[in-house]
N, C-alpha and C. Protein backbone atom coordinates (compact mmCIF):
# COMPACT_ATOMS: atom_id res chain seq x y z
N MET A 1 42.89 96.67 92.78
CA MET A 1 44.20 97.23 92.57
C MET A 1 45.37 96.55 92.23
N LYS A 2 46.23 96.49 91.21
CA LYS A 2 47.25 95.46 91.31
C LYS A 2 48.46 95.95 91.83
N ILE A 3 49.11 95.11 92.35
CA ILE A 3 50.06 95.55 93.31
C ILE A 3 51.48 94.86 92.39
N THR A 4 52.66 95.74 92.30
CA THR A 4 53.70 94.98 91.31
C THR A 4 54.77 95.16 92.53
N LYS A 5 55.73 94.01 92.64
CA LYS A 5 56.86 94.04 93.54
C LYS A 5 57.98 94.21 93.03
N ILE A 6 58.79 95.12 93.46
CA ILE A 6 59.93 96.16 92.98
C ILE A 6 60.99 95.38 93.81
N SER A 7 62.11 94.69 93.07
CA SER A 7 63.31 94.69 93.78
C SER A 7 64.49 95.38 93.45
N LEU A 8 65.25 96.20 94.50
CA LEU A 8 66.45 97.04 94.00
C LEU A 8 67.61 96.63 94.73
N LEU A 9 68.43 95.95 93.92
CA LEU A 9 69.65 95.40 94.63
C LEU A 9 71.06 96.50 94.93
N VAL A 10 70.96 97.19 95.91
CA VAL A 10 72.01 98.31 96.24
C VAL A 10 73.57 97.63 97.08
N CYS A 11 74.41 98.12 96.18
CA CYS A 11 75.58 97.07 96.71
C CYS A 11 76.22 98.31 97.29
N GLY A 12 77.05 97.94 98.12
CA GLY A 12 77.86 98.80 99.00
C GLY A 12 78.10 99.01 100.56
N ALA A 13 78.81 98.92 101.58
CA ALA A 13 78.83 98.88 102.56
C ALA A 13 77.74 99.03 103.63
N ALA A 14 77.32 100.49 103.43
CA ALA A 14 76.07 101.52 103.96
C ALA A 14 74.78 100.38 104.10
N PHE A 15 74.74 99.28 102.76
CA PHE A 15 73.46 98.29 102.72
C PHE A 15 73.93 96.88 103.10
N ALA A 16 75.01 97.01 103.63
CA ALA A 16 75.63 95.35 103.81
C ALA A 16 75.29 94.11 102.49
N VAL A 17 75.56 94.85 101.45
CA VAL A 17 75.75 93.94 100.34
C VAL A 17 76.65 93.92 99.62
N SER A 18 77.57 92.69 99.07
CA SER A 18 78.87 92.99 98.37
C SER A 18 78.34 92.61 97.15
N CYS A 19 78.81 93.13 96.16
CA CYS A 19 78.63 92.79 94.62
C CYS A 19 79.55 92.68 93.72
N SER A 20 79.54 91.67 92.98
CA SER A 20 80.85 91.22 92.29
C SER A 20 80.98 91.75 90.58
N THR A 21 81.77 91.45 90.35
CA THR A 21 81.88 92.05 88.94
C THR A 21 82.92 91.08 88.08
N THR A 22 82.48 90.30 87.00
CA THR A 22 84.20 89.67 86.38
C THR A 22 83.98 89.65 85.25
N LYS A 23 85.21 89.99 84.19
CA LYS A 23 85.26 90.37 82.96
C LYS A 23 86.31 89.81 82.15
N THR A 24 85.74 88.48 81.17
CA THR A 24 86.82 87.83 80.54
C THR A 24 87.37 88.59 79.18
N TYR A 25 88.72 88.36 79.26
CA TYR A 25 89.14 88.56 77.65
C TYR A 25 90.36 88.19 77.13
N THR A 26 90.52 88.18 75.92
CA THR A 26 91.21 87.29 74.93
C THR A 26 92.46 88.13 74.99
N ILE A 27 93.59 87.71 75.06
CA ILE A 27 94.80 88.14 74.57
C ILE A 27 95.08 88.18 73.23
N ASN A 28 95.79 89.52 72.67
CA ASN A 28 96.07 89.31 71.33
C ASN A 28 97.37 89.29 71.04
N SER A 29 97.73 88.26 70.13
CA SER A 29 99.40 87.92 69.88
C SER A 29 99.78 89.67 69.12
N LYS A 30 100.95 89.53 69.80
CA LYS A 30 102.14 91.16 69.13
C LYS A 30 103.40 90.84 68.71
N SER A 31 103.40 91.45 67.96
CA SER A 31 104.81 91.84 67.28
C SER A 31 105.66 90.38 66.63
N GLY A 32 104.88 89.91 66.00
CA GLY A 32 104.92 88.54 65.41
C GLY A 32 104.51 87.30 66.28
N THR A 33 104.50 87.26 67.28
CA THR A 33 104.16 86.14 68.09
C THR A 33 102.84 85.47 68.12
N ASP A 34 103.24 84.00 68.81
CA ASP A 34 101.77 83.53 68.66
C ASP A 34 101.38 83.63 70.32
N THR A 35 101.53 84.52 71.00
CA THR A 35 100.89 84.61 72.20
C THR A 35 99.43 84.44 72.36
N GLN A 36 99.10 83.64 73.42
CA GLN A 36 97.43 83.30 73.55
C GLN A 36 97.24 83.38 74.78
N GLY A 37 95.80 83.70 75.17
CA GLY A 37 95.65 83.06 76.81
C GLY A 37 94.22 84.08 76.51
N THR A 38 94.12 84.48 77.85
CA THR A 38 92.88 84.98 78.49
C THR A 38 93.36 85.61 79.77
N ALA A 39 92.57 86.55 80.04
CA ALA A 39 92.93 87.53 81.19
C ALA A 39 91.50 87.66 81.87
N LYS A 40 91.76 87.15 82.99
CA LYS A 40 89.88 87.55 83.87
C LYS A 40 89.87 88.59 84.74
N PHE A 41 89.46 89.51 85.06
CA PHE A 41 88.94 90.46 86.09
C PHE A 41 87.90 90.53 86.59
N SER A 42 87.77 90.07 88.21
CA SER A 42 86.55 90.06 88.95
C SER A 42 86.91 91.28 90.13
N GLN A 43 85.84 91.78 90.33
CA GLN A 43 86.27 92.44 91.38
C GLN A 43 84.76 92.17 92.49
N THR A 44 85.28 92.45 93.74
CA THR A 44 84.27 92.06 94.70
C THR A 44 84.67 93.03 96.10
N GLY A 45 83.28 93.82 95.99
CA GLY A 45 83.92 94.79 97.11
C GLY A 45 84.99 96.00 96.54
N LYS A 46 86.32 96.36 97.68
CA LYS A 46 86.85 97.16 97.25
C LYS A 46 88.14 95.78 96.42
N ASN A 47 88.44 94.62 96.24
CA ASN A 47 89.04 94.25 95.85
C ASN A 47 89.11 93.62 94.31
N VAL A 48 90.30 93.74 93.65
CA VAL A 48 90.42 93.18 91.93
C VAL A 48 91.14 92.30 91.97
N GLU A 49 91.03 91.25 91.47
CA GLU A 49 91.74 90.24 90.91
C GLU A 49 91.93 89.76 89.58
N MET A 50 93.03 89.97 88.89
CA MET A 50 93.27 89.49 87.67
C MET A 50 93.67 88.02 87.52
N ASP A 51 93.55 87.29 86.72
CA ASP A 51 93.92 85.86 86.78
C ASP A 51 94.28 85.73 85.22
N LEU A 52 95.73 85.46 85.19
CA LEU A 52 96.13 85.99 83.66
C LEU A 52 96.56 84.43 82.88
N ASN A 53 96.11 83.95 82.04
CA ASN A 53 96.49 82.47 81.52
C ASN A 53 97.19 82.96 79.95
N VAL A 54 98.10 82.61 80.06
CA VAL A 54 99.12 82.74 78.87
C VAL A 54 99.44 81.58 78.02
N TYR A 55 99.78 81.22 76.85
CA TYR A 55 99.86 80.41 76.09
C TYR A 55 100.89 80.73 74.73
N LYS A 56 101.84 79.81 74.58
CA LYS A 56 102.63 80.03 73.14
C LYS A 56 103.55 80.98 73.67
N LEU A 57 104.25 81.39 74.65
CA LEU A 57 104.90 82.18 75.15
C LEU A 57 106.33 81.80 74.80
N THR A 58 107.87 82.57 74.52
CA THR A 58 108.91 81.56 75.15
C THR A 58 109.29 81.40 76.67
N PRO A 59 109.63 80.23 76.82
CA PRO A 59 109.54 79.58 77.87
C PRO A 59 110.80 80.54 78.93
N GLY A 60 110.47 81.24 79.82
CA GLY A 60 111.22 82.39 80.95
C GLY A 60 110.27 83.50 81.03
N ILE A 61 110.90 84.25 81.86
CA ILE A 61 110.12 84.96 82.44
C ILE A 61 110.04 86.48 81.46
N HIS A 62 108.84 86.68 81.93
CA HIS A 62 107.91 87.75 81.29
C HIS A 62 107.23 88.83 82.11
N ALA A 63 107.74 90.10 81.77
CA ALA A 63 106.67 91.07 82.37
C ALA A 63 105.46 91.77 82.05
N VAL A 64 104.81 91.88 83.20
CA VAL A 64 103.47 92.15 83.09
C VAL A 64 102.73 93.24 83.24
N HIS A 65 102.21 94.52 82.34
CA HIS A 65 101.99 95.96 83.02
C HIS A 65 101.04 96.27 82.31
N ILE A 66 100.39 97.23 83.00
CA ILE A 66 99.03 98.17 82.56
C ILE A 66 99.44 98.91 82.00
N HIS A 67 98.97 99.18 80.62
CA HIS A 67 99.81 100.34 79.77
C HIS A 67 98.47 101.33 79.87
N GLU A 68 98.42 102.68 79.43
CA GLU A 68 97.82 103.92 79.91
C GLU A 68 96.35 103.69 78.81
N LYS A 69 96.03 102.80 77.75
CA LYS A 69 95.54 102.93 76.60
C LYS A 69 94.78 101.54 75.83
N GLY A 70 93.44 101.61 76.35
CA GLY A 70 93.00 100.11 76.11
C GLY A 70 93.23 100.15 74.77
N ASP A 71 94.53 100.33 73.65
CA ASP A 71 94.21 100.07 72.51
C ASP A 71 95.34 98.92 72.06
N CYS A 72 94.89 97.79 71.35
CA CYS A 72 96.08 97.06 71.38
C CYS A 72 95.75 96.99 69.57
N SER A 73 95.87 97.64 68.81
CA SER A 73 95.62 97.41 67.31
C SER A 73 96.55 97.53 66.58
N ALA A 74 97.82 98.53 67.30
CA ALA A 74 99.27 98.34 66.72
C ALA A 74 99.52 96.59 66.75
N ALA A 75 100.55 96.53 65.41
CA ALA A 75 101.22 95.08 65.19
C ALA A 75 102.11 94.96 66.63
N ASP A 76 102.75 96.03 67.15
CA ASP A 76 103.70 95.94 68.35
C ASP A 76 103.37 95.99 69.87
N ALA A 77 101.55 96.97 69.35
CA ALA A 77 100.83 97.05 70.87
C ALA A 77 101.42 98.55 71.29
N SER A 78 102.31 99.21 70.74
CA SER A 78 102.64 100.08 70.93
C SER A 78 101.62 101.18 71.13
N SER A 79 100.40 101.01 70.01
CA SER A 79 98.86 101.79 70.23
C SER A 79 98.23 101.90 72.09
N ALA A 80 99.10 101.30 72.77
CA ALA A 80 98.45 101.05 73.93
C ALA A 80 99.28 102.34 75.25
N GLY A 81 100.20 103.03 74.59
CA GLY A 81 100.59 103.48 75.30
C GLY A 81 101.84 103.40 76.02
N GLY A 82 102.44 103.97 77.07
CA GLY A 82 103.69 103.86 77.99
C GLY A 82 102.57 103.45 79.23
N HIS A 83 103.74 102.93 80.23
CA HIS A 83 102.78 102.34 81.43
C HIS A 83 101.35 103.15 82.18
N TRP A 84 101.17 102.61 82.60
CA TRP A 84 99.83 103.78 83.57
C TRP A 84 100.07 104.03 85.01
N ASN A 85 100.39 105.17 85.03
CA ASN A 85 101.28 105.55 85.85
C ASN A 85 100.61 107.24 86.50
N PRO A 86 99.14 106.86 86.84
CA PRO A 86 98.64 108.13 87.25
C PRO A 86 98.85 109.15 88.49
N SER A 87 100.13 108.32 89.69
CA SER A 87 100.66 109.21 90.13
C SER A 87 101.71 109.75 90.05
N LYS A 88 102.10 109.25 88.56
CA LYS A 88 103.41 110.01 88.11
C LYS A 88 104.45 109.45 89.41
N ASN A 89 105.15 108.38 89.68
CA ASN A 89 105.86 107.41 90.60
C ASN A 89 106.98 107.21 89.35
N ASP A 90 107.85 106.65 89.70
CA ASP A 90 108.96 105.78 89.45
C ASP A 90 108.42 104.57 89.05
N HIS A 91 108.98 104.08 88.25
CA HIS A 91 108.57 102.33 87.87
C HIS A 91 109.51 101.99 88.64
N GLY A 92 108.88 100.91 89.40
CA GLY A 92 109.46 99.56 90.68
C GLY A 92 108.39 98.19 90.28
N LYS A 93 109.21 97.96 91.66
CA LYS A 93 108.24 96.46 91.84
C LYS A 93 106.76 96.98 93.03
N TRP A 94 105.64 96.61 92.18
CA TRP A 94 104.49 96.68 93.43
C TRP A 94 104.91 96.19 94.74
N GLY A 95 104.72 97.11 95.47
CA GLY A 95 104.83 97.34 97.11
C GLY A 95 105.79 97.59 97.46
N ALA A 96 106.94 98.16 96.70
CA ALA A 96 108.13 98.79 97.01
C ALA A 96 108.01 100.05 97.15
N GLU A 97 108.99 100.56 97.74
CA GLU A 97 109.08 102.53 98.00
C GLU A 97 108.48 103.12 96.63
N HIS A 98 108.90 102.73 95.63
CA HIS A 98 108.61 103.33 94.62
C HIS A 98 108.23 102.43 93.26
N PHE A 99 106.96 102.68 93.16
CA PHE A 99 106.07 101.52 91.90
C PHE A 99 104.80 102.37 91.82
N HIS A 100 104.26 102.41 90.15
CA HIS A 100 103.04 102.90 89.80
C HIS A 100 102.34 101.99 89.51
N MET A 101 101.00 102.16 89.11
CA MET A 101 99.89 101.37 89.34
C MET A 101 99.94 100.61 88.14
N GLY A 102 100.68 100.50 86.83
CA GLY A 102 101.25 99.83 85.85
C GLY A 102 101.93 98.47 86.29
N ASP A 103 102.97 98.78 87.48
CA ASP A 103 103.84 97.61 87.50
C ASP A 103 103.25 96.19 88.23
N ILE A 104 102.59 95.59 87.44
CA ILE A 104 102.07 94.26 88.43
C ILE A 104 103.69 93.19 88.31
N GLY A 105 104.31 93.36 87.62
CA GLY A 105 105.41 92.26 87.53
C GLY A 105 105.67 90.98 86.54
N ASN A 106 106.20 90.05 87.02
CA ASN A 106 106.71 89.16 86.18
C ASN A 106 106.04 87.75 86.14
N LEU A 107 105.93 86.89 84.70
CA LEU A 107 105.27 86.04 85.11
C LEU A 107 106.39 84.91 84.21
N THR A 108 106.30 83.43 84.72
CA THR A 108 107.17 82.67 83.91
C THR A 108 106.67 81.83 83.29
N ALA A 109 106.59 81.92 82.29
CA ALA A 109 106.10 80.79 80.79
C ALA A 109 107.13 79.22 81.26
N ASN A 110 106.48 77.82 81.43
CA ASN A 110 107.36 76.58 81.01
C ASN A 110 107.59 76.57 80.16
N LYS A 111 108.26 75.29 80.29
CA LYS A 111 109.03 75.04 79.05
C LYS A 111 108.00 74.74 77.80
N GLU A 112 106.79 74.49 78.11
CA GLU A 112 105.90 74.47 76.63
C GLU A 112 105.23 75.77 76.61
N GLY A 113 105.45 76.80 77.22
CA GLY A 113 105.35 78.35 76.98
C GLY A 113 104.27 78.51 77.78
N THR A 114 103.46 78.01 79.18
CA THR A 114 102.25 78.33 79.50
C THR A 114 102.64 78.73 80.80
N ALA A 115 102.01 79.99 81.16
CA ALA A 115 102.35 80.45 82.17
C ALA A 115 100.84 81.35 83.03
N ARG A 116 100.82 81.16 84.10
CA ARG A 116 99.75 81.72 84.95
C ARG A 116 100.26 82.53 85.89
N LEU A 117 99.40 83.63 86.15
CA LEU A 117 99.82 85.09 86.90
C LEU A 117 98.48 85.20 87.71
N VAL A 118 98.23 85.25 89.04
CA VAL A 118 96.85 85.49 90.01
C VAL A 118 97.44 87.09 90.59
N PHE A 119 96.81 88.26 90.27
CA PHE A 119 97.20 88.87 91.23
C PHE A 119 95.92 90.20 91.85
N LYS A 120 96.13 90.37 93.12
CA LYS A 120 95.17 90.79 93.73
C LYS A 120 95.52 92.11 94.51
N THR A 121 94.38 92.88 93.99
CA THR A 121 94.64 94.51 94.82
C THR A 121 93.59 95.21 95.31
N ASP A 122 93.87 96.08 96.18
CA ASP A 122 92.49 97.08 96.60
C ASP A 122 92.99 98.24 96.04
N LYS A 123 93.70 98.28 94.89
CA LYS A 123 94.22 99.59 94.64
C LYS A 123 94.18 99.88 93.25
N TRP A 124 93.14 98.89 92.49
CA TRP A 124 92.53 99.27 91.45
C TRP A 124 90.72 98.63 91.49
N CYS A 125 90.12 99.49 90.43
CA CYS A 125 88.32 99.10 90.46
C CYS A 125 88.59 98.87 88.78
N LEU A 126 86.94 98.30 88.83
CA LEU A 126 86.58 98.00 87.31
C LEU A 126 85.24 98.90 87.43
N ASN A 127 85.61 99.95 86.36
CA ASN A 127 84.20 101.04 86.29
C ASN A 127 83.74 101.83 87.57
N CYS A 128 84.72 102.42 88.24
CA CYS A 128 84.79 103.00 89.59
C CYS A 128 84.95 104.88 89.17
N ALA A 129 84.48 105.46 89.52
CA ALA A 129 84.36 107.06 89.21
C ALA A 129 86.26 107.38 89.53
N ASP A 130 86.65 106.79 90.39
CA ASP A 130 88.63 107.37 91.00
C ASP A 130 89.42 107.05 89.60
N GLU A 131 89.62 108.03 88.83
CA GLU A 131 90.38 107.65 87.80
C GLU A 131 91.86 106.85 88.18
N SER A 132 92.26 107.18 89.10
CA SER A 132 93.93 106.77 89.82
C SER A 132 93.37 105.42 89.77
N LYS A 133 92.43 104.81 90.18
CA LYS A 133 91.95 103.05 89.95
C LYS A 133 91.58 102.73 89.15
N ASN A 134 90.91 103.17 88.44
CA ASN A 134 89.78 102.76 87.43
C ASN A 134 90.91 101.80 86.60
N ILE A 135 91.01 100.90 86.47
CA ILE A 135 91.72 100.30 84.99
C ILE A 135 90.92 99.84 83.65
N MET A 136 89.82 100.52 83.95
CA MET A 136 88.60 100.08 82.40
C MET A 136 89.61 101.25 81.37
N ASN A 137 89.75 100.65 80.23
CA ASN A 137 90.00 101.43 79.32
C ASN A 137 91.44 101.59 79.22
N LYS A 138 92.16 100.65 79.89
CA LYS A 138 93.36 100.59 79.75
C LYS A 138 93.86 98.88 78.80
N ALA A 139 94.90 98.68 79.23
CA ALA A 139 95.60 97.37 78.42
C ALA A 139 96.59 96.80 79.41
N ILE A 140 96.54 95.64 79.29
CA ILE A 140 97.89 94.52 79.84
C ILE A 140 98.37 94.07 78.52
N VAL A 141 99.82 94.41 78.88
CA VAL A 141 100.85 94.35 78.15
C VAL A 141 101.86 93.35 78.85
N ILE A 142 102.07 91.96 77.92
CA ILE A 142 103.17 90.95 78.30
C ILE A 142 104.06 91.59 77.51
N HIS A 143 105.34 91.45 78.21
CA HIS A 143 106.70 91.84 77.46
C HIS A 143 107.48 90.72 77.28
N ALA A 144 108.20 90.72 76.21
CA ALA A 144 109.08 89.70 75.72
C ALA A 144 110.15 89.21 76.37
N GLY A 145 110.83 90.19 77.72
CA GLY A 145 111.60 89.72 78.37
C GLY A 145 111.21 90.17 80.06
N LYS A 146 112.28 89.82 81.15
CA LYS A 146 111.76 90.45 82.40
C LYS A 146 111.54 91.51 82.96
N ASP A 147 110.92 92.35 83.64
CA ASP A 147 111.34 93.40 84.45
C ASP A 147 112.16 93.48 85.11
N ASP A 148 112.91 94.06 85.17
CA ASP A 148 114.50 94.24 86.45
C ASP A 148 113.73 95.13 87.47
N PHE A 149 112.59 95.67 87.46
CA PHE A 149 111.94 96.69 88.24
C PHE A 149 112.89 98.25 89.19
N MET A 150 114.00 98.42 87.92
CA MET A 150 114.71 99.55 88.12
C MET A 150 115.02 100.44 86.86
N THR A 151 114.87 100.00 85.68
CA THR A 151 115.31 100.37 84.39
C THR A 151 114.05 101.92 84.24
N GLN A 152 114.17 103.23 84.43
CA GLN A 152 113.23 103.60 83.89
C GLN A 152 112.73 104.31 82.45
N PRO A 153 111.74 104.33 82.34
CA PRO A 153 110.50 104.41 82.92
C PRO A 153 109.94 102.54 82.78
N THR A 154 110.29 102.05 81.67
CA THR A 154 109.82 100.59 81.71
C THR A 154 110.22 99.09 82.43
N GLY A 155 111.38 98.84 82.94
CA GLY A 155 111.54 97.71 83.66
C GLY A 155 112.70 97.18 82.81
N ASN A 156 113.27 97.93 81.59
CA ASN A 156 113.93 97.17 80.26
C ASN A 156 113.29 95.58 79.76
N ALA A 157 111.66 95.87 79.72
CA ALA A 157 111.23 94.92 79.69
C ALA A 157 111.07 93.80 78.28
N GLY A 158 111.74 94.78 77.54
CA GLY A 158 111.94 94.26 76.14
C GLY A 158 110.63 94.71 74.97
N GLY A 159 110.16 93.70 74.00
CA GLY A 159 109.11 94.13 73.06
C GLY A 159 107.99 93.90 73.74
N ARG A 160 106.62 94.02 72.97
CA ARG A 160 105.43 93.59 73.36
C ARG A 160 104.71 92.39 72.88
N VAL A 161 104.81 91.51 73.56
CA VAL A 161 103.96 90.10 72.61
C VAL A 161 102.79 89.58 73.26
N GLY A 162 102.24 90.36 73.44
CA GLY A 162 100.74 89.90 73.93
C GLY A 162 99.76 90.96 74.84
N CYS A 163 98.92 91.85 73.96
CA CYS A 163 97.79 92.37 74.61
C CYS A 163 96.57 92.53 74.37
N VAL A 164 96.16 92.63 75.67
CA VAL A 164 94.52 92.81 75.97
C VAL A 164 93.99 94.06 76.62
N GLU A 165 92.82 94.25 75.86
CA GLU A 165 92.26 95.62 76.14
C GLU A 165 91.24 95.14 77.03
N ILE A 166 91.29 96.31 77.90
CA ILE A 166 90.14 96.07 79.23
C ILE A 166 88.97 97.43 79.05
N LYS A 167 87.93 96.89 78.23
CA LYS A 167 86.83 97.44 78.27
C LYS A 167 85.68 97.33 78.78
């Protein structure tokens, strides 16, 4: 009789095993810009971290939002749709009284056009069943201007200069 060893890893609190997922994507330049870089998403337990490294931006402040469709095919990234807002809240600053799930904030490009933004939250997930938290099949959009955190529904952030499909 031959015995075969089978191992099964089950992730979750009930089994005291924490699993992690990491996905890295390339930023697509949009609207005639040369914007480049990467977006890395890591999930460990209930926490998701986004590490956004962007190059060839114009120096200054640029808004970053999650948009509702994971489609960066249009030259101006309009194919990504509007901000991801499953709860239908007003646009605002993350963590303030009014904000929605796509309101990430701003990143600042230095004089060489390089910027990095690390963002952590337990309000997102990668490939989970909860559509109000799942960021898969959405897009990260980097805008030409800064988010003023007030103007509805977009924060007056200007055109779309970079786009990342989260697949």
